[in-house]
């Protein structure tokens, strides 16, 4: 790839018209902003993960659920055969409910109570919103994107693992298709395994893992707040307090 007399030696790396970098891997597409925003998608499984350049917004879309972290809140949707189960981790505790309930529960330091609350609508564009949040992109950034592309590095090790270093982002893909993405400082990490549809994400706001093995699972952690969903039972924890919605949609105190 050649532009302005300079040659890009990184195979598959391109600059888009809106000033981002695009990399096509086996089974995945990756897009980066010049300041380190990351977007990865596996179209076969319908998986999307993104972390903004500033780290203050991140998102994941997976067949088992959706996670959207913005500012100090983490919104969660777990997909159950009877409908969506919602949770929100925030300063008051963990709010949660199901799509067919008129009441919302709040699990705080004092235990379980009912409350009035709302949950974010995660439309088809919420992962893109996280990717572009406070990031440098647009036609004015195209020249910066080309400069970053020329300075990028690519190598393949003795085990066949391909590696890319693009700005402050490192990307690797093993021979079985596993992809790992991390920032140099280690605050943002993404691991996607296309063999079983598993994903793990670490950002400034939360840690998350999910997979489609057996009935699947979705796990999210923000400080001492947690949510675990095994495809049937939906459990939320806030410090030492715990509550669950079982497979029959019944509320349980643990």
C-alpha atoms as a PDB file:
ATOM      1  CA  UNK A   1       0.000   0.000   0.000  1.00  0.00           C
ATOM      2  CA  UNK A   2       1.574   3.287  -1.063  1.00  0.00           C
ATOM      3  CA  UNK A   3       0.609   6.900  -0.427  1.00  0.00           C
ATOM      4  CA  UNK A   4       2.627  10.091  -0.818  1.00  0.00           C
ATOM      5  CA  UNK A   5       5.838   8.204  -1.598  1.00  0.00           C
ATOM      6  CA  UNK A   6       5.709   6.065   1.560  1.00  0.00           C
ATOM      7  CA  UNK A   7       4.938   2.360   1.724  1.00  0.00           C
ATOM      8  CA  UNK A   8       2.891   0.605   4.380  1.00  0.00           C
ATOM      9  CA  UNK A   9       4.446  -2.773   5.237  1.00  0.00           C
ATOM     10  CA  UNK A  10       1.541  -3.948   7.424  1.00  0.00           C
ATOM     11  CA  UNK A  11      -0.659  -6.318   5.370  1.00  0.00           C
ATOM     12  CA  UNK A  12      -4.393  -5.746   5.479  1.00  0.00           C
ATOM     13  CA  UNK A  13      -4.215  -2.378   7.242  1.00  0.00           C
ATOM     14  CA  UNK A  14      -6.177   0.448   5.616  1.00  0.00           C
ATOM     15  CA  UNK A  15      -7.275   4.005   6.362  1.00  0.00           C
ATOM     16  CA  UNK A  16     -11.001   4.695   6.081  1.00  0.00           C
ATOM     17  CA  UNK A  17     -12.536   7.923   4.694  1.00  0.00           C
ATOM     18  CA  UNK A  18     -13.620   8.901   8.227  1.00  0.00           C
ATOM     19  CA  UNK A  19     -10.075   8.847   9.601  1.00  0.00           C
ATOM     20  CA  UNK A  20      -9.923   5.463  11.318  1.00  0.00           C
ATOM     21  CA  UNK A  21      -7.771   2.406  10.642  1.00  0.00           C
ATOM     22  CA  UNK A  22      -9.330  -0.835   9.435  1.00  0.00           C
ATOM     23  CA  UNK A  23      -7.779  -4.299   9.785  1.00  0.00           C
ATOM     24  CA  UNK A  24      -9.293  -7.484   8.376  1.00  0.00           C
ATOM     25  CA  UNK A  25      -8.337 -10.691  10.216  1.00  0.00           C
ATOM     26  CA  UNK A  26      -9.456 -14.301   9.816  1.00  0.00           C
ATOM     27  CA  UNK A  27     -13.077 -14.245  10.973  1.00  0.00           C
ATOM     28  CA  UNK A  28     -12.889 -10.743  12.504  1.00  0.00           C
ATOM     29  CA  UNK A  29     -12.834  -7.104  11.560  1.00  0.00           C
ATOM     30  CA  UNK A  30     -11.063  -4.503  13.683  1.00  0.00           C
ATOM     31  CA  UNK A  31     -11.317  -0.730  13.544  1.00  0.00           C
ATOM     32  CA  UNK A  32      -9.121   1.689  15.514  1.00  0.00           C
ATOM     33  CA  UNK A  33      -9.125   5.419  16.118  1.00  0.00           C
ATOM     34  CA  UNK A  34      -5.792   7.224  15.990  1.00  0.00           C
ATOM     35  CA  UNK A  35      -5.941   7.826  19.755  1.00  0.00           C
ATOM     36  CA  UNK A  36      -6.540   4.179  20.650  1.00  0.00           C
ATOM     37  CA  UNK A  37     -10.265   3.484  20.435  1.00  0.00           C
ATOM     38  CA  UNK A  38     -10.880  -0.193  19.597  1.00  0.00           C
ATOM     39  CA  UNK A  39     -13.761  -1.957  17.832  1.00  0.00           C
ATOM     40  CA  UNK A  40     -13.774  -5.673  16.991  1.00  0.00           C
ATOM     41  CA  UNK A  41     -16.557  -7.712  15.423  1.00  0.00           C
ATOM     42  CA  UNK A  42     -17.044 -11.391  14.674  1.00  0.00           C
ATOM     43  CA  UNK A  43     -19.889 -11.391  12.173  1.00  0.00           C
ATOM     44  CA  UNK A  44     -20.392 -15.170  12.203  1.00  0.00           C
ATOM     45  CA  UNK A  45     -21.366 -15.175  15.895  1.00  0.00           C
ATOM     46  CA  UNK A  46     -22.826 -11.660  16.007  1.00  0.00           C
ATOM     47  CA  UNK A  47     -20.234 -10.475  18.548  1.00  0.00           C
ATOM     48  CA  UNK A  48     -19.109  -6.855  18.849  1.00  0.00           C
ATOM     49  CA  UNK A  49     -16.791  -5.328  21.448  1.00  0.00           C
ATOM     50  CA  UNK A  50     -15.577  -1.759  21.692  1.00  0.00           C
ATOM     51  CA  UNK A  51     -13.638   0.421  24.121  1.00  0.00           C
ATOM     52  CA  UNK A  52     -13.389   4.180  23.572  1.00  0.00           C
ATOM     53  CA  UNK A  53     -10.010   5.871  23.368  1.00  0.00           C
ATOM     54  CA  UNK A  54     -10.512   7.647  26.698  1.00  0.00           C
ATOM     55  CA  UNK A  55     -11.766   4.449  28.334  1.00  0.00           C
ATOM     56  CA  UNK A  56     -14.907   6.118  29.696  1.00  0.00           C
ATOM     57  CA  UNK A  57     -17.300   4.198  27.473  1.00  0.00           C
ATOM     58  CA  UNK A  58     -17.228   0.538  26.433  1.00  0.00           C
ATOM     59  CA  UNK A  59     -19.689  -1.972  25.088  1.00  0.00           C
ATOM     60  CA  UNK A  60     -20.199  -5.604  24.218  1.00  0.00           C
ATOM     61  CA  UNK A  61     -22.890  -7.297  22.143  1.00  0.00           C
ATOM     62  CA  UNK A  62     -23.142 -11.097  22.282  1.00  0.00           C
ATOM     63  CA  UNK A  63     -25.878 -13.692  21.673  1.00  0.00           C
ATOM     64  CA  UNK A  64     -26.064 -14.155  25.481  1.00  0.00           C
ATOM     65  CA  UNK A  65     -26.448 -10.475  26.276  1.00  0.00           C
ATOM     66  CA  UNK A  66     -25.347  -6.864  26.000  1.00  0.00           C
ATOM     67  CA  UNK A  67     -23.181  -4.713  28.256  1.00  0.00           C
ATOM     68  CA  UNK A  68     -22.800  -0.937  28.015  1.00  0.00           C
ATOM     69  CA  UNK A  69     -20.551   0.992  30.418  1.00  0.00           C
ATOM     70  CA  UNK A  70     -20.694   4.762  30.433  1.00  0.00           C
ATOM     71  CA  UNK A  71     -19.352   7.196  33.019  1.00  0.00           C
ATOM     72  CA  UNK A  72     -19.882   5.365  36.366  1.00  0.00           C
ATOM     73  CA  UNK A  73     -22.703   3.028  35.288  1.00  0.00           C
ATOM     74  CA  UNK A  74     -22.749  -0.429  33.724  1.00  0.00           C
ATOM     75  CA  UNK A  75     -25.969  -1.507  31.991  1.00  0.00           C
ATOM     76  CA  UNK A  76     -26.611  -5.202  31.310  1.00  0.00           C
ATOM     77  CA  UNK A  77     -29.143  -7.168  29.294  1.00  0.00           C
ATOM     78  CA  UNK A  78     -29.103 -10.962  29.628  1.00  0.00           C
ATOM     79  CA  UNK A  79     -31.025 -12.920  26.993  1.00  0.00           C
ATOM     80  CA  UNK A  80     -33.339 -15.588  28.435  1.00  0.00           C
ATOM     81  CA  UNK A  81     -35.903 -17.723  26.606  1.00  0.00           C
ATOM     82  CA  UNK A  82     -38.663 -16.012  28.606  1.00  0.00           C
ATOM     83  CA  UNK A  83     -37.373 -12.515  27.814  1.00  0.00           C
ATOM     84  CA  UNK A  84     -34.675 -10.024  28.676  1.00  0.00           C
ATOM     85  CA  UNK A  85     -33.319  -9.664  32.198  1.00  0.00           C
ATOM     86  CA  UNK A  86     -31.922  -6.259  33.064  1.00  0.00           C
ATOM     87  CA  UNK A  87     -29.334  -5.058  35.560  1.00  0.00           C
ATOM     88  CA  UNK A  88     -27.579  -1.769  36.241  1.00  0.00           C
ATOM     89  CA  UNK A  89     -24.510  -1.336  38.418  1.00  0.00           C
ATOM     90  CA  UNK A  90     -24.175   2.180  39.800  1.00  0.00           C
ATOM     91  CA  UNK A  91     -23.481   4.225  42.922  1.00  0.00           C
ATOM     92  CA  UNK A  92     -26.757   3.249  44.653  1.00  0.00           C
ATOM     93  CA  UNK A  93     -26.190  -0.494  44.223  1.00  0.00           C
ATOM     94  CA  UNK A  94     -27.440  -2.955  41.614  1.00  0.00           C
ATOM     95  CA  UNK A  95     -30.867  -2.379  40.059  1.00  0.00           C
ATOM     96  CA  UNK A  96     -32.459  -5.316  38.250  1.00  0.00           C
ATOM     97  CA  UNK A  97     -35.717  -6.583  36.801  1.00  0.00           C
ATOM     98  CA  UNK A  98     -37.173  -8.640  33.945  1.00  0.00           C
ATOM     99  CA  UNK A  99     -38.936  -7.415  30.830  1.00  0.00           C
ATOM    100  CA  UNK A 100     -42.356  -8.613  32.074  1.00  0.00           C
ATOM    101  CA  UNK A 101     -42.144  -7.022  35.540  1.00  0.00           C
ATOM    102  CA  UNK A 102     -43.668  -3.672  36.428  1.00  0.00           C
ATOM    103  CA  UNK A 103     -41.421  -3.346  39.489  1.00  0.00           C
ATOM    104  CA  UNK A 104     -37.662  -2.831  39.694  1.00  0.00           C
ATOM    105  CA  UNK A 105     -35.519  -4.156  42.543  1.00  0.00           C
ATOM    106  CA  UNK A 106     -32.508  -2.436  44.093  1.00  0.00           C
ATOM    107  CA  UNK A 107     -29.858  -4.414  45.935  1.00  0.00           C
ATOM    108  CA  UNK A 108     -27.885  -1.994  48.102  1.00  0.00           C
ATOM    109  CA  UNK A 109     -25.795  -2.230  51.279  1.00  0.00           C
ATOM    110  CA  UNK A 110     -28.946  -2.665  53.355  1.00  0.00           C
ATOM    111  CA  UNK A 111     -30.424  -5.494  51.279  1.00  0.00           C
ATOM    112  CA  UNK A 112     -33.226  -5.790  48.726  1.00  0.00           C
ATOM    113  CA  UNK A 113     -35.945  -3.202  48.136  1.00  0.00           C
ATOM    114  CA  UNK A 114     -38.271  -2.093  45.350  1.00  0.00           C
ATOM    115  CA  UNK A 115     -37.562   1.140  43.530  1.00  0.00           C
ATOM    116  CA  UNK A 116     -38.416   3.232  40.495  1.00  0.00           C
ATOM    117  CA  UNK A 117     -35.651   3.102  37.926  1.00  0.00           C
ATOM    118  CA  UNK A 118     -35.047   2.907  34.194  1.00  0.00           C
ATOM    119  CA  UNK A 119     -32.707   0.900  32.010  1.00  0.00           C
ATOM    120  CA  UNK A 120     -30.912   2.064  28.914  1.00  0.00           C
ATOM    121  CA  UNK A 121     -32.269   1.112  25.502  1.00  0.00           C
ATOM    122  CA  UNK A 122     -29.418  -0.625  23.707  1.00  0.00           C
ATOM    123  CA  UNK A 123     -30.187  -0.144  20.051  1.00  0.00           C
ATOM    124  CA  UNK A 124     -28.249  -1.446  17.068  1.00  0.00           C
ATOM    125  CA  UNK A 125     -25.838   1.481  17.258  1.00  0.00           C
ATOM    126  CA  UNK A 126     -24.747   1.415  20.902  1.00  0.00           C
ATOM    127  CA  UNK A 127     -21.374  -0.235  20.188  1.00  0.00           C
ATOM    128  CA  UNK A 128     -20.559   2.454  17.609  1.00  0.00           C
ATOM    129  CA  UNK A 129     -21.466   5.160  20.111  1.00  0.00           C
ATOM    130  CA  UNK A 130     -18.915   3.732  22.523  1.00  0.00           C
ATOM    131  CA  UNK A 131     -16.259   3.453  19.819  1.00  0.00           C
ATOM    132  CA  UNK A 132     -16.504   7.081  18.702  1.00  0.00           C
ATOM    133  CA  UNK A 133     -17.055   8.595  22.174  1.00  0.00           C
ATOM    134  CA  UNK A 134     -14.536  11.423  22.742  1.00  0.00           C
ATOM    135  CA  UNK A 135     -12.322   9.937  19.993  1.00  0.00           C
ATOM    136  CA  UNK A 136     -10.409  11.696  17.235  1.00  0.00           C
ATOM    137  CA  UNK A 137     -11.917  10.797  13.882  1.00  0.00           C
ATOM    138  CA  UNK A 138     -13.276  12.443  10.741  1.00  0.00           C
ATOM    139  CA  UNK A 139     -11.894  13.731   7.449  1.00  0.00           C
ATOM    140  CA  UNK A 140      -9.549  16.129   9.257  1.00  0.00           C
ATOM    141  CA  UNK A 141      -7.863  13.109  10.906  1.00  0.00           C
ATOM    142  CA  UNK A 142      -7.176  11.146   7.705  1.00  0.00           C
ATOM    143  CA  UNK A 143      -3.569  12.385   7.399  1.00  0.00           C
ATOM    144  CA  UNK A 144      -2.906  11.435  11.040  1.00  0.00           C
ATOM    145  CA  UNK A 145      -4.376   8.003  10.342  1.00  0.00           C
ATOM    146  CA  UNK A 146      -2.013   7.510   7.372  1.00  0.00           C
ATOM    147  CA  UNK A 147       0.961   8.515   9.533  1.00  0.00           C
ATOM    148  CA  UNK A 148      -0.074   5.999  12.178  1.00  0.00           C
ATOM    149  CA  UNK A 149      -0.488   3.314   9.516  1.00  0.00           C
ATOM    150  CA  UNK A 150       3.045   3.891   8.182  1.00  0.00           C
ATOM    151  CA  UNK A 151       4.504   3.671  11.686  1.00  0.00           C
ATOM    152  CA  UNK A 152       2.677   0.421  12.475  1.00  0.00           C
ATOM    153  CA  UNK A 153       4.476  -2.902  12.825  1.00  0.00           C
ATOM    154  CA  UNK A 154       3.654  -6.472  11.821  1.00  0.00           C
ATOM    155  CA  UNK A 155       5.412  -9.767  12.523  1.00  0.00           C
ATOM    156  CA  UNK A 156       4.680 -13.491  12.695  1.00  0.00           C
ATOM    157  CA  UNK A 157       6.354 -15.675  15.339  1.00  0.00           C
ATOM    158  CA  UNK A 158       7.606 -19.268  15.072  1.00  0.00           C
ATOM    159  CA  UNK A 159       4.201 -20.628  16.174  1.00  0.00           C
ATOM    160  CA  UNK A 160       2.332 -18.901  13.365  1.00  0.00           C
ATOM    161  CA  UNK A 161       0.870 -16.201  15.600  1.00  0.00           C
ATOM    162  CA  UNK A 162       0.400 -12.926  13.738  1.00  0.00           C
ATOM    163  CA  UNK A 163       1.081  -9.692  15.591  1.00  0.00           C
ATOM    164  CA  UNK A 164       0.356  -6.037  14.942  1.00  0.00           C
ATOM    165  CA  UNK A 165       1.386  -2.914  16.850  1.00  0.00           C
ATOM    166  CA  UNK A 166      -0.656   0.096  15.793  1.00  0.00           C
ATOM    167  CA  UNK A 167       0.033   3.150  17.918  1.00  0.00           C
ATOM    168  CA  UNK A 168      -0.532   2.144  21.548  1.00  0.00           C
ATOM    169  CA  UNK A 169      -2.632  -0.902  20.614  1.00  0.00           C
ATOM    170  CA  UNK A 170      -1.259  -4.439  20.289  1.00  0.00           C
ATOM    171  CA  UNK A 171      -3.180  -7.106  18.392  1.00  0.00           C
ATOM    172  CA  UNK A 172      -2.403 -10.802  18.000  1.00  0.00           C
ATOM    173  CA  UNK A 173      -4.175 -13.692  16.303  1.00  0.00           C
ATOM    174  CA  UNK A 174      -3.201 -17.330  16.818  1.00  0.00           C
ATOM    175  CA  UNK A 175      -3.504 -20.035  14.187  1.00  0.00           C
ATOM    176  CA  UNK A 176      -6.866 -21.198  15.639  1.00  0.00           C
ATOM    177  CA  UNK A 177      -8.331 -17.698  15.211  1.00  0.00           C
ATOM    178  CA  UNK A 178      -8.098 -16.439  18.810  1.00  0.00           C
ATOM    179  CA  UNK A 179      -7.673 -12.665  18.915  1.00  0.00           C
ATOM    180  CA  UNK A 180      -6.134 -10.641  21.756  1.00  0.00           C
ATOM    181  CA  UNK A 181      -6.102  -6.856  21.887  1.00  0.00           C
ATOM    182  CA  UNK A 182      -4.510  -4.735  24.587  1.00  0.00           C
ATOM    183  CA  UNK A 183      -3.226  -1.227  25.172  1.00  0.00           C
ATOM    184  CA  UNK A 184       0.441  -0.776  26.040  1.00  0.00           C
ATOM    185  CA  UNK A 185      -0.457   0.284  29.599  1.00  0.00           C
ATOM    186  CA  UNK A 186      -2.611  -2.824  30.075  1.00  0.00           C
ATOM    187  CA  UNK A 187      -5.787  -1.039  31.174  1.00  0.00           C
ATOM    188  CA  UNK A 188      -7.840  -2.252  28.199  1.00  0.00           C
ATOM    189  CA  UNK A 189      -7.867  -5.893  27.128  1.00  0.00           C
ATOM    190  CA  UNK A 190     -10.093  -7.916  24.793  1.00  0.00           C
ATOM    191  CA  UNK A 191      -9.881 -11.646  24.096  1.00  0.00           C
ATOM    192  CA  UNK A 192     -12.188 -13.281  21.561  1.00  0.00           C
ATOM    193  CA  UNK A 193     -12.236 -17.026  20.906  1.00  0.00           C
ATOM    194  CA  UNK A 194     -14.242 -17.911  17.778  1.00  0.00           C
ATOM    195  CA  UNK A 195     -14.084 -21.645  18.560  1.00  0.00           C
ATOM    196  CA  UNK A 196     -16.698 -21.393  21.336  1.00  0.00           C
ATOM    197  CA  UNK A 197     -17.885 -17.798  20.962  1.00  0.00           C
ATOM    198  CA  UNK A 198     -16.257 -16.724  24.217  1.00  0.00           C
ATOM    199  CA  UNK A 199     -15.258 -13.145  24.979  1.00  0.00           C
ATOM    200  CA  UNK A 200     -13.441 -11.505  27.875  1.00  0.00           C
ATOM    201  CA  UNK A 201     -13.167  -7.753  28.311  1.00  0.00           C
ATOM    202  CA  UNK A 202     -11.275  -5.608  30.787  1.00  0.00           C
ATOM    203  CA  UNK A 203     -11.697  -1.842  30.750  1.00  0.00           C
ATOM    204  CA  UNK A 204     -11.368   0.989  33.248  1.00  0.00           C
ATOM    205  CA  UNK A 205     -15.024   0.476  34.207  1.00  0.00           C
ATOM    206  CA  UNK A 206     -15.714  -3.253  34.338  1.00  0.00           C
ATOM    207  CA  UNK A 207     -14.599  -6.817  33.687  1.00  0.00           C
ATOM    208  CA  UNK A 208     -16.769  -9.138  31.658  1.00  0.00           C
ATOM    209  CA  UNK A 209     -16.735 -12.655  30.246  1.00  0.00           C
ATOM    210  CA  UNK A 210     -19.250 -14.601  28.214  1.00  0.00           C
ATOM    211  CA  UNK A 211     -19.463 -17.712  26.063  1.00  0.00           C
ATOM    212  CA  UNK A 212     -21.870 -19.982  24.213  1.00  0.00           C
ATOM    213  CA  UNK A 213     -20.559 -23.254  25.682  1.00  0.00           C
ATOM    214  CA  UNK A 214     -23.499 -25.480  26.713  1.00  0.00           C
ATOM    215  CA  UNK A 215     -26.228 -23.076  27.919  1.00  0.00           C
ATOM    216  CA  UNK A 216     -23.759 -20.199  27.866  1.00  0.00           C
ATOM    217  CA  UNK A 217     -22.930 -17.634  30.504  1.00  0.00           C
ATOM    218  CA  UNK A 218     -22.514 -13.909  31.063  1.00  0.00           C
ATOM    219  CA  UNK A 219     -20.469 -12.493  33.940  1.00  0.00           C
ATOM    220  CA  UNK A 220     -19.928  -8.801  34.719  1.00  0.00           C
ATOM    221  CA  UNK A 221     -17.988  -7.254  37.590  1.00  0.00           C
ATOM    222  CA  UNK A 222     -17.646  -3.619  38.650  1.00  0.00           C
ATOM    223  CA  UNK A 223     -15.788  -3.270  41.944  1.00  0.00           C
ATOM    224  CA  UNK A 224     -17.736  -5.286  44.534  1.00  0.00           C
ATOM    225  CA  UNK A 225     -20.820  -5.449  42.305  1.00  0.00           C
ATOM    226  CA  UNK A 226     -21.347  -8.564  40.215  1.00  0.00           C
ATOM    227  CA  UNK A 227     -23.838 -10.216  37.889  1.00  0.00           C
ATOM    228  CA  UNK A 228     -23.706 -13.833  36.773  1.00  0.00           C
ATOM    229  CA  UNK A 229     -26.094 -15.463  34.328  1.00  0.00           C
ATOM    230  CA  UNK A 230     -25.719 -19.129  33.397  1.00  0.00           C
ATOM    231  CA  UNK A 231     -28.387 -19.135  30.697  1.00  0.00           C
ATOM    232  CA  UNK A 232     -31.065 -19.873  33.290  1.00  0.00           C
ATOM    233  CA  UNK A 233     -30.469 -18.283  36.710  1.00  0.00           C
ATOM    234  CA  UNK A 234     -29.704 -14.565  36.920  1.00  0.00           C
ATOM    235  CA  UNK A 235     -27.736 -13.609  40.075  1.00  0.00           C
ATOM    236  CA  UNK A 236     -26.752 -10.111  41.223  1.00  0.00           C
ATOM    237  CA  UNK A 237     -24.416  -9.242  44.100  1.00  0.00           C
ATOM    238  CA  UNK A 238     -23.622  -5.995  45.848  1.00  0.00           C
ATOM    239  CA  UNK A 239     -20.901  -6.461  48.428  1.00  0.00           C
ATOM    240  CA  UNK A 240     -22.191  -9.124  50.819  1.00  0.00           C
ATOM    241  CA  UNK A 241     -25.788  -8.924  49.549  1.00  0.00           C
ATOM    242  CA  UNK A 242     -27.124 -11.282  46.886  1.00  0.00           C
ATOM    243  CA  UNK A 243     -30.397 -11.916  45.036  1.00  0.00           C
ATOM    244  CA  UNK A 244     -31.449 -13.952  42.021  1.00  0.00           C
ATOM    245  CA  UNK A 245     -34.150 -14.562  39.457  1.00  0.00           C
ATOM    246  CA  UNK A 246     -34.427 -18.284  38.814  1.00  0.00           C
ATOM    247  CA  UNK A 247     -35.359 -20.181  35.656  1.00  0.00           C
ATOM    248  CA  UNK A 248     -39.072 -19.800  36.475  1.00  0.00           C
ATOM    249  CA  UNK A 249     -38.707 -16.009  36.767  1.00  0.00           C
ATOM    250  CA  UNK A 250     -39.133 -16.181  40.555  1.00  0.00           C
ATOM    251  CA  UNK A 251     -37.215 -13.784  42.809  1.00  0.00           C
ATOM    252  CA  UNK A 252     -34.896 -15.482  45.297  1.00  0.00           C
ATOM    253  CA  UNK A 253     -32.877 -14.041  48.181  1.00  0.00           C
ATOM    254  CA  UNK A 254     -29.521 -15.707  48.753  1.00  0.00           C
END
